[in-house]
Amino acid sequence: MKASHTLRNALLTTVASVFLLSTAYADDALKMELTANKVVKNAEGKISYLPVRSAPTGTIIQYKATYTNTINENINDLAVTLPIPANMTFTGEVSPASAQASIDGKNYAEIPLMRKVDGKMVKIPFSEYRTLRWNIKLLPANKSAAVALNTIVD
């Protein structure tokens, strides 16, 4: 196991995707910026986010995607997904909280994901989550919306 994980490589291999439920928009109608920041909590409990390129095992990293509507019309019913990078484990923390999760990248459900084991419904461990999806009902003209998820470096 590596003592340090290069987050730049994780960012390059992490493909954030956008799916327009309404396909009437040009491909360049939406711009996306993806950032990775180390989550740091000070002695008073205040959280700050610091740019990071590499981090040791156990470091909490927030991946944040900001989507900007670059046209002069509203975009309705936008679904955006962020995969959880390899060598990272989802912490369960998302923004906004309306995210849905998937263990296969196809079937999404509310967090926490559940499955039946020995006749009982149990929570699926966050380590099995592979992608998160948010549904943005309205992205106004020339405005932005951001989604984020926290991970721990494995």
N, C-alpha and C. Protein backbone atom coordinates (compact mmCIF):
# COMPACT_ATOMS: atom_id res chain seq x y z
N MET A 1 0.85 -1.18 0.00
CA MET A 1 0.00 0.00 0.00
C MET A 1 0.89 1.24 0.00
N LYS A 2 0.58 2.21 -0.84
CA LYS A 2 1.36 3.43 -0.93
C LYS A 2 1.15 4.29 0.31
N ALA A 3 2.20 4.94 0.76
CA ALA A 3 2.07 5.88 1.87
C ALA A 3 1.49 7.19 1.39
N SER A 4 1.63 7.46 0.11
CA SER A 4 1.11 8.71 -0.45
C SER A 4 0.40 8.38 -1.76
N HIS A 5 -0.67 9.08 -2.01
CA HIS A 5 -1.45 8.85 -3.22
C HIS A 5 -1.48 10.15 -4.01
N THR A 6 -1.11 10.12 -5.26
CA THR A 6 -1.11 11.33 -6.07
C THR A 6 -2.52 11.66 -6.50
N LEU A 7 -3.03 12.77 -5.96
CA LEU A 7 -4.40 13.15 -6.24
C LEU A 7 -4.57 13.69 -7.65
N ARG A 8 -3.50 14.22 -8.21
CA ARG A 8 -3.60 14.69 -9.58
C ARG A 8 -3.97 13.53 -10.50
N ASN A 9 -3.33 12.38 -10.29
CA ASN A 9 -3.65 11.21 -11.10
C ASN A 9 -5.08 10.76 -10.85
N ALA A 10 -5.52 10.83 -9.60
CA ALA A 10 -6.91 10.46 -9.29
C ALA A 10 -7.86 11.40 -10.01
N LEU A 11 -7.52 12.70 -10.04
CA LEU A 11 -8.37 13.65 -10.74
C LEU A 11 -8.38 13.37 -12.23
N LEU A 12 -7.22 13.04 -12.78
CA LEU A 12 -7.15 12.78 -14.22
C LEU A 12 -7.92 11.52 -14.59
N THR A 13 -7.92 10.53 -13.71
CA THR A 13 -8.63 9.30 -14.02
C THR A 13 -10.09 9.34 -13.60
N THR A 14 -10.45 10.34 -12.79
CA THR A 14 -11.84 10.48 -12.39
C THR A 14 -12.56 11.30 -13.45
N VAL A 15 -13.51 10.70 -14.09
CA VAL A 15 -14.26 11.40 -15.10
C VAL A 15 -15.59 11.81 -14.49
N ALA A 16 -15.78 13.12 -14.38
CA ALA A 16 -17.06 13.62 -13.89
C ALA A 16 -17.96 13.74 -15.12
N SER A 17 -19.14 13.20 -15.03
CA SER A 17 -20.00 13.21 -16.21
C SER A 17 -21.27 14.00 -15.96
N VAL A 18 -21.83 14.45 -17.05
CA VAL A 18 -23.07 15.21 -17.01
C VAL A 18 -24.05 14.55 -17.97
N PHE A 19 -25.26 14.39 -17.52
CA PHE A 19 -26.29 13.84 -18.37
C PHE A 19 -27.45 14.83 -18.39
N LEU A 20 -27.71 15.39 -19.55
CA LEU A 20 -28.84 16.31 -19.69
C LEU A 20 -30.09 15.51 -19.98
N LEU A 21 -31.05 15.58 -19.08
CA LEU A 21 -32.30 14.86 -19.30
C LEU A 21 -33.06 15.48 -20.47
N SER A 22 -32.89 16.77 -20.65
CA SER A 22 -33.45 17.46 -21.81
C SER A 22 -32.29 17.71 -22.76
N THR A 23 -32.30 17.12 -23.94
CA THR A 23 -31.15 17.18 -24.84
C THR A 23 -31.17 18.37 -25.80
N ALA A 24 -31.98 19.37 -25.51
CA ALA A 24 -32.12 20.51 -26.41
C ALA A 24 -30.98 21.52 -26.28
N TYR A 25 -29.95 21.22 -25.48
CA TYR A 25 -28.88 22.18 -25.24
C TYR A 25 -27.62 21.78 -25.97
N ALA A 26 -26.87 22.78 -26.41
CA ALA A 26 -25.61 22.53 -27.10
C ALA A 26 -24.60 21.94 -26.13
N ASP A 27 -23.61 21.22 -26.67
CA ASP A 27 -22.58 20.59 -25.84
C ASP A 27 -21.81 21.60 -25.00
N ASP A 28 -21.68 22.84 -25.50
CA ASP A 28 -20.90 23.85 -24.79
C ASP A 28 -21.75 24.69 -23.85
N ALA A 29 -22.98 24.29 -23.56
CA ALA A 29 -23.87 25.05 -22.68
C ALA A 29 -23.45 24.92 -21.23
N LEU A 30 -22.66 23.92 -20.92
CA LEU A 30 -22.30 23.65 -19.53
C LEU A 30 -20.79 23.49 -19.41
N LYS A 31 -20.21 24.24 -18.47
CA LYS A 31 -18.77 24.14 -18.18
C LYS A 31 -18.63 23.51 -16.81
N MET A 32 -17.67 22.59 -16.65
CA MET A 32 -17.46 21.94 -15.36
C MET A 32 -16.02 22.12 -14.91
N GLU A 33 -15.84 22.46 -13.63
CA GLU A 33 -14.51 22.56 -13.03
C GLU A 33 -14.47 21.61 -11.84
N LEU A 34 -13.46 20.74 -11.81
CA LEU A 34 -13.32 19.75 -10.74
C LEU A 34 -12.08 20.10 -9.91
N THR A 35 -12.26 20.17 -8.59
CA THR A 35 -11.14 20.46 -7.70
C THR A 35 -11.04 19.39 -6.61
N ALA A 36 -9.83 19.23 -6.08
CA ALA A 36 -9.59 18.34 -4.94
C ALA A 36 -8.95 19.16 -3.84
N ASN A 37 -9.53 19.10 -2.64
CA ASN A 37 -9.01 19.85 -1.50
C ASN A 37 -8.93 18.97 -0.27
N LYS A 38 -7.85 19.16 0.50
CA LYS A 38 -7.71 18.48 1.78
C LYS A 38 -8.65 19.15 2.78
N VAL A 39 -9.39 18.33 3.54
CA VAL A 39 -10.31 18.83 4.55
C VAL A 39 -9.55 18.88 5.87
N VAL A 40 -9.44 20.10 6.43
CA VAL A 40 -8.68 20.30 7.66
C VAL A 40 -9.60 20.91 8.71
N LYS A 41 -9.58 20.33 9.93
CA LYS A 41 -10.37 20.85 11.04
C LYS A 41 -9.40 21.40 12.09
N ASN A 42 -9.60 22.68 12.49
CA ASN A 42 -8.71 23.25 13.50
C ASN A 42 -9.20 22.90 14.91
N ALA A 43 -8.49 23.39 15.94
CA ALA A 43 -8.79 23.05 17.34
C ALA A 43 -10.20 23.49 17.75
N GLU A 44 -10.71 24.54 17.13
CA GLU A 44 -12.06 25.03 17.45
C GLU A 44 -13.14 24.29 16.66
N GLY A 45 -12.73 23.37 15.79
CA GLY A 45 -13.70 22.61 15.00
C GLY A 45 -14.06 23.26 13.67
N LYS A 46 -13.43 24.40 13.35
CA LYS A 46 -13.71 25.08 12.08
C LYS A 46 -13.04 24.30 10.95
N ILE A 47 -13.79 24.07 9.88
CA ILE A 47 -13.28 23.30 8.74
C ILE A 47 -12.78 24.25 7.66
N SER A 48 -11.62 23.92 7.11
CA SER A 48 -11.10 24.67 5.96
C SER A 48 -10.69 23.66 4.90
N TYR A 49 -10.56 24.16 3.67
CA TYR A 49 -10.24 23.33 2.52
C TYR A 49 -8.97 23.87 1.88
N LEU A 50 -7.94 23.01 1.79
CA LEU A 50 -6.65 23.42 1.25
C LEU A 50 -6.35 22.66 -0.02
N PRO A 51 -5.90 23.36 -1.07
CA PRO A 51 -5.53 22.66 -2.31
C PRO A 51 -4.48 21.59 -2.00
N VAL A 52 -4.58 20.46 -2.69
CA VAL A 52 -3.68 19.35 -2.42
C VAL A 52 -3.38 18.60 -3.71
N ARG A 53 -2.14 18.12 -3.83
CA ARG A 53 -1.73 17.32 -4.99
C ARG A 53 -1.48 15.87 -4.61
N SER A 54 -0.97 15.67 -3.41
CA SER A 54 -0.77 14.30 -2.92
C SER A 54 -1.05 14.29 -1.42
N ALA A 55 -1.39 13.12 -0.92
CA ALA A 55 -1.77 13.03 0.49
C ALA A 55 -1.50 11.62 1.00
N PRO A 56 -1.14 11.50 2.27
CA PRO A 56 -0.91 10.18 2.84
C PRO A 56 -2.23 9.45 3.11
N THR A 57 -2.14 8.16 3.30
CA THR A 57 -3.29 7.34 3.66
C THR A 57 -4.00 7.95 4.87
N GLY A 58 -5.33 7.96 4.83
CA GLY A 58 -6.11 8.50 5.94
C GLY A 58 -6.52 9.95 5.79
N THR A 59 -5.96 10.65 4.80
CA THR A 59 -6.30 12.05 4.58
C THR A 59 -7.71 12.16 3.98
N ILE A 60 -8.49 13.13 4.48
CA ILE A 60 -9.82 13.36 3.92
C ILE A 60 -9.69 14.37 2.79
N ILE A 61 -10.20 14.00 1.62
CA ILE A 61 -10.16 14.84 0.43
C ILE A 61 -11.58 15.11 -0.04
N GLN A 62 -11.86 16.37 -0.34
CA GLN A 62 -13.16 16.71 -0.91
C GLN A 62 -13.00 16.95 -2.41
N TYR A 63 -13.80 16.23 -3.19
CA TYR A 63 -13.88 16.48 -4.63
C TYR A 63 -15.11 17.35 -4.85
N LYS A 64 -14.90 18.48 -5.53
CA LYS A 64 -15.99 19.42 -5.77
C LYS A 64 -16.07 19.72 -7.26
N ALA A 65 -17.26 19.56 -7.82
CA ALA A 65 -17.49 19.88 -9.23
C ALA A 65 -18.44 21.07 -9.29
N THR A 66 -18.01 22.10 -9.99
CA THR A 66 -18.83 23.29 -10.17
C THR A 66 -19.27 23.34 -11.62
N TYR A 67 -20.58 23.35 -11.82
CA TYR A 67 -21.17 23.37 -13.16
C TYR A 67 -21.69 24.77 -13.43
N THR A 68 -21.28 25.35 -14.55
CA THR A 68 -21.70 26.70 -14.92
C THR A 68 -22.48 26.66 -16.22
N ASN A 69 -23.67 27.23 -16.18
CA ASN A 69 -24.51 27.37 -17.37
C ASN A 69 -23.96 28.55 -18.15
N THR A 70 -23.43 28.32 -19.34
CA THR A 70 -22.77 29.37 -20.12
C THR A 70 -23.67 30.01 -21.17
N ILE A 71 -24.94 29.65 -21.18
CA ILE A 71 -25.85 30.21 -22.18
C ILE A 71 -26.87 31.13 -21.51
N ASN A 72 -27.61 31.84 -22.32
CA ASN A 72 -28.59 32.80 -21.82
C ASN A 72 -29.98 32.21 -21.65
N GLU A 73 -30.05 30.90 -21.41
CA GLU A 73 -31.32 30.24 -21.11
C GLU A 73 -31.11 29.34 -19.90
N ASN A 74 -32.18 29.09 -19.18
CA ASN A 74 -32.11 28.17 -18.05
C ASN A 74 -31.92 26.74 -18.57
N ILE A 75 -31.25 25.93 -17.77
CA ILE A 75 -31.15 24.50 -18.07
C ILE A 75 -31.97 23.79 -17.00
N ASN A 76 -32.90 22.97 -17.43
CA ASN A 76 -33.79 22.25 -16.52
C ASN A 76 -33.44 20.77 -16.49
N ASP A 77 -33.71 20.14 -15.35
CA ASP A 77 -33.58 18.69 -15.19
C ASP A 77 -32.21 18.18 -15.60
N LEU A 78 -31.21 18.65 -14.90
CA LEU A 78 -29.82 18.28 -15.15
C LEU A 78 -29.41 17.23 -14.13
N ALA A 79 -28.88 16.10 -14.58
CA ALA A 79 -28.36 15.07 -13.69
C ALA A 79 -26.84 15.04 -13.85
N VAL A 80 -26.11 15.18 -12.74
CA VAL A 80 -24.65 15.15 -12.78
C VAL A 80 -24.15 14.02 -11.88
N THR A 81 -23.09 13.36 -12.31
CA THR A 81 -22.53 12.27 -11.53
C THR A 81 -21.04 12.50 -11.28
N LEU A 82 -20.59 12.03 -10.13
CA LEU A 82 -19.17 12.05 -9.81
C LEU A 82 -18.79 10.64 -9.36
N PRO A 83 -17.83 10.03 -10.03
CA PRO A 83 -17.34 8.74 -9.55
C PRO A 83 -16.44 8.94 -8.34
N ILE A 84 -16.34 7.94 -7.50
CA ILE A 84 -15.43 7.95 -6.38
C ILE A 84 -14.11 7.40 -6.91
N PRO A 85 -13.03 8.19 -6.81
CA PRO A 85 -11.76 7.77 -7.40
C PRO A 85 -11.25 6.46 -6.82
N ALA A 86 -10.48 5.74 -7.64
CA ALA A 86 -9.81 4.52 -7.18
C ALA A 86 -8.90 4.90 -6.02
N ASN A 87 -8.67 3.97 -5.12
CA ASN A 87 -7.82 4.17 -3.94
C ASN A 87 -8.39 5.20 -2.96
N MET A 88 -9.69 5.45 -3.06
CA MET A 88 -10.38 6.35 -2.14
C MET A 88 -11.64 5.66 -1.65
N THR A 89 -12.07 6.00 -0.43
CA THR A 89 -13.31 5.48 0.13
C THR A 89 -14.21 6.66 0.47
N PHE A 90 -15.44 6.60 0.02
CA PHE A 90 -16.45 7.62 0.32
C PHE A 90 -16.68 7.67 1.83
N THR A 91 -16.79 8.89 2.39
CA THR A 91 -17.00 9.05 3.84
C THR A 91 -18.47 9.11 4.23
N GLY A 92 -19.35 9.31 3.24
CA GLY A 92 -20.77 9.50 3.54
C GLY A 92 -21.16 10.98 3.55
N GLU A 93 -20.17 11.87 3.42
CA GLU A 93 -20.44 13.30 3.43
C GLU A 93 -20.56 13.82 2.00
N VAL A 94 -21.71 14.48 1.72
CA VAL A 94 -21.98 15.04 0.40
C VAL A 94 -22.60 16.42 0.53
N SER A 95 -22.52 17.17 -0.55
CA SER A 95 -23.18 18.47 -0.62
C SER A 95 -23.62 18.69 -2.06
N PRO A 96 -24.88 19.02 -2.30
CA PRO A 96 -25.98 19.00 -1.34
C PRO A 96 -26.34 17.58 -0.92
N ALA A 97 -27.09 17.49 0.16
CA ALA A 97 -27.43 16.21 0.77
C ALA A 97 -28.37 15.36 -0.07
N SER A 98 -28.89 15.91 -1.15
CA SER A 98 -29.86 15.20 -2.00
C SER A 98 -29.22 14.16 -2.92
N ALA A 99 -27.93 13.91 -2.78
CA ALA A 99 -27.24 12.96 -3.66
C ALA A 99 -27.81 11.56 -3.52
N GLN A 100 -27.74 10.85 -4.63
CA GLN A 100 -28.07 9.43 -4.65
C GLN A 100 -26.75 8.70 -4.92
N ALA A 101 -26.68 7.44 -4.52
CA ALA A 101 -25.44 6.67 -4.67
C ALA A 101 -25.67 5.40 -5.46
N SER A 102 -24.56 4.84 -5.97
CA SER A 102 -24.61 3.60 -6.72
C SER A 102 -23.38 2.77 -6.41
N ILE A 103 -23.55 1.45 -6.39
CA ILE A 103 -22.39 0.56 -6.25
C ILE A 103 -21.99 -0.02 -7.61
N ASP A 104 -22.82 0.21 -8.64
CA ASP A 104 -22.52 -0.32 -9.97
C ASP A 104 -22.50 0.73 -11.07
N GLY A 105 -22.78 2.00 -10.74
CA GLY A 105 -22.78 3.07 -11.74
C GLY A 105 -24.02 3.09 -12.61
N LYS A 106 -24.99 2.22 -12.34
CA LYS A 106 -26.22 2.14 -13.15
C LYS A 106 -27.46 2.37 -12.31
N ASN A 107 -27.53 1.72 -11.15
CA ASN A 107 -28.71 1.80 -10.29
C ASN A 107 -28.41 2.73 -9.12
N TYR A 108 -29.23 3.78 -8.97
CA TYR A 108 -29.02 4.79 -7.92
C TYR A 108 -30.17 4.76 -6.93
N ALA A 109 -29.84 5.06 -5.67
CA ALA A 109 -30.85 5.14 -4.62
C ALA A 109 -30.38 6.15 -3.56
N GLU A 110 -31.30 6.51 -2.68
CA GLU A 110 -30.98 7.45 -1.60
C GLU A 110 -29.89 6.86 -0.70
N ILE A 111 -29.11 7.74 -0.10
CA ILE A 111 -28.08 7.34 0.86
C ILE A 111 -28.73 7.26 2.24
N PRO A 112 -28.50 6.24 3.03
CA PRO A 112 -27.58 5.13 2.82
C PRO A 112 -28.19 4.05 1.94
N LEU A 113 -27.35 3.43 1.12
CA LEU A 113 -27.79 2.31 0.31
C LEU A 113 -28.02 1.11 1.23
N MET A 114 -29.04 0.31 0.88
CA MET A 114 -29.40 -0.85 1.70
C MET A 114 -29.44 -2.11 0.83
N ARG A 115 -29.23 -3.27 1.47
CA ARG A 115 -29.41 -4.55 0.79
C ARG A 115 -29.88 -5.57 1.82
N LYS A 116 -30.47 -6.63 1.31
CA LYS A 116 -30.99 -7.69 2.18
C LYS A 116 -29.91 -8.73 2.42
N VAL A 117 -29.63 -9.00 3.69
CA VAL A 117 -28.67 -10.03 4.10
C VAL A 117 -29.37 -10.90 5.14
N ASP A 118 -29.46 -12.18 4.85
CA ASP A 118 -30.12 -13.13 5.76
C ASP A 118 -31.51 -12.65 6.17
N GLY A 119 -32.25 -12.11 5.20
CA GLY A 119 -33.62 -11.69 5.45
C GLY A 119 -33.77 -10.34 6.12
N LYS A 120 -32.66 -9.66 6.41
CA LYS A 120 -32.72 -8.35 7.07
C LYS A 120 -32.11 -7.29 6.17
N MET A 121 -32.66 -6.07 6.21
CA MET A 121 -32.11 -4.96 5.46
C MET A 121 -30.94 -4.37 6.25
N VAL A 122 -29.77 -4.28 5.60
CA VAL A 122 -28.57 -3.73 6.23
C VAL A 122 -27.97 -2.65 5.33
N LYS A 123 -27.24 -1.72 5.94
CA LYS A 123 -26.57 -0.67 5.17
C LYS A 123 -25.39 -1.25 4.41
N ILE A 124 -25.25 -0.82 3.16
CA ILE A 124 -24.09 -1.19 2.35
C ILE A 124 -22.92 -0.31 2.81
N PRO A 125 -21.75 -0.88 3.07
CA PRO A 125 -20.60 -0.07 3.51
C PRO A 125 -20.24 1.00 2.46
N PHE A 126 -19.85 2.19 2.95
CA PHE A 126 -19.45 3.27 2.04
C PHE A 126 -18.30 2.84 1.14
N SER A 127 -17.49 1.89 1.57
CA SER A 127 -16.36 1.43 0.76
C SER A 127 -16.81 0.78 -0.55
N GLU A 128 -18.08 0.38 -0.64
CA GLU A 128 -18.60 -0.23 -1.87
C GLU A 128 -19.24 0.79 -2.82
N TYR A 129 -19.41 2.04 -2.38
CA TYR A 129 -20.01 3.07 -3.24
C TYR A 129 -19.03 3.41 -4.35
N ARG A 130 -19.52 3.52 -5.59
CA ARG A 130 -18.68 3.82 -6.75
C ARG A 130 -18.99 5.17 -7.38
N THR A 131 -20.23 5.60 -7.38
CA THR A 131 -20.61 6.88 -7.99
C THR A 131 -21.72 7.54 -7.20
N LEU A 132 -21.77 8.87 -7.30
CA LEU A 132 -22.85 9.65 -6.72
C LEU A 132 -23.49 10.47 -7.82
N ARG A 133 -24.78 10.74 -7.65
CA ARG A 133 -25.52 11.50 -8.65
C ARG A 133 -26.39 12.53 -7.95
N TRP A 134 -26.48 13.71 -8.55
CA TRP A 134 -27.36 14.77 -8.08
C TRP A 134 -28.27 15.18 -9.23
N ASN A 135 -29.51 15.50 -8.92
CA ASN A 135 -30.44 16.02 -9.91
C ASN A 135 -30.63 17.50 -9.63
N ILE A 136 -30.22 18.31 -10.58
CA ILE A 136 -30.37 19.77 -10.46
C ILE A 136 -31.58 20.14 -11.29
N LYS A 137 -32.66 20.52 -10.62
CA LYS A 137 -33.93 20.81 -11.30
C LYS A 137 -33.82 22.03 -12.20
N LEU A 138 -33.07 23.07 -11.73
CA LEU A 138 -32.96 24.31 -12.50
C LEU A 138 -31.58 24.90 -12.31
N LEU A 139 -30.87 25.13 -13.41
CA LEU A 139 -29.61 25.86 -13.39
C LEU A 139 -29.84 27.11 -14.23
N PRO A 140 -30.07 28.26 -13.56
CA PRO A 140 -30.41 29.49 -14.29
C PRO A 140 -29.31 29.92 -15.27
N ALA A 141 -29.70 30.70 -16.25
CA ALA A 141 -28.78 31.23 -17.25
C ALA A 141 -27.60 31.92 -16.57
N ASN A 142 -26.39 31.60 -17.05
CA ASN A 142 -25.16 32.23 -16.57
C ASN A 142 -24.93 32.10 -15.07
N LYS A 143 -25.43 31.04 -14.44
CA LYS A 143 -25.23 30.79 -13.01
C LYS A 143 -24.52 29.45 -12.84
N SER A 144 -24.07 29.20 -11.61
CA SER A 144 -23.34 27.96 -11.31
C SER A 144 -23.99 27.19 -10.17
N ALA A 145 -23.74 25.89 -10.16
CA ALA A 145 -24.15 25.02 -9.06
C ALA A 145 -22.99 24.09 -8.78
N ALA A 146 -22.77 23.78 -7.49
CA ALA A 146 -21.65 22.92 -7.11
C ALA A 146 -22.17 21.69 -6.37
N VAL A 147 -21.48 20.57 -6.58
CA VAL A 147 -21.74 19.34 -5.84
C VAL A 147 -20.39 18.87 -5.31
N ALA A 148 -20.41 18.17 -4.17
CA ALA A 148 -19.16 17.74 -3.57
C ALA A 148 -19.34 16.43 -2.82
N LEU A 149 -18.25 15.68 -2.73
CA LEU A 149 -18.23 14.47 -1.92
C LEU A 149 -16.88 14.38 -1.23
N ASN A 150 -16.88 13.80 -0.03
CA ASN A 150 -15.65 13.61 0.71
C ASN A 150 -15.21 12.16 0.64
N THR A 151 -13.89 11.97 0.54
CA THR A 151 -13.30 10.64 0.47
C THR A 151 -12.13 10.57 1.45
N ILE A 152 -11.71 9.36 1.74
CA ILE A 152 -10.51 9.13 2.54
C ILE A 152 -9.52 8.38 1.66
N VAL A 153 -8.27 8.81 1.67
CA VAL A 153 -7.23 8.13 0.90
C VAL A 153 -6.97 6.76 1.53
N ASP A 154 -7.10 5.69 0.71
CA ASP A 154 -6.85 4.32 1.18
C ASP A 154 -5.38 4.03 1.30
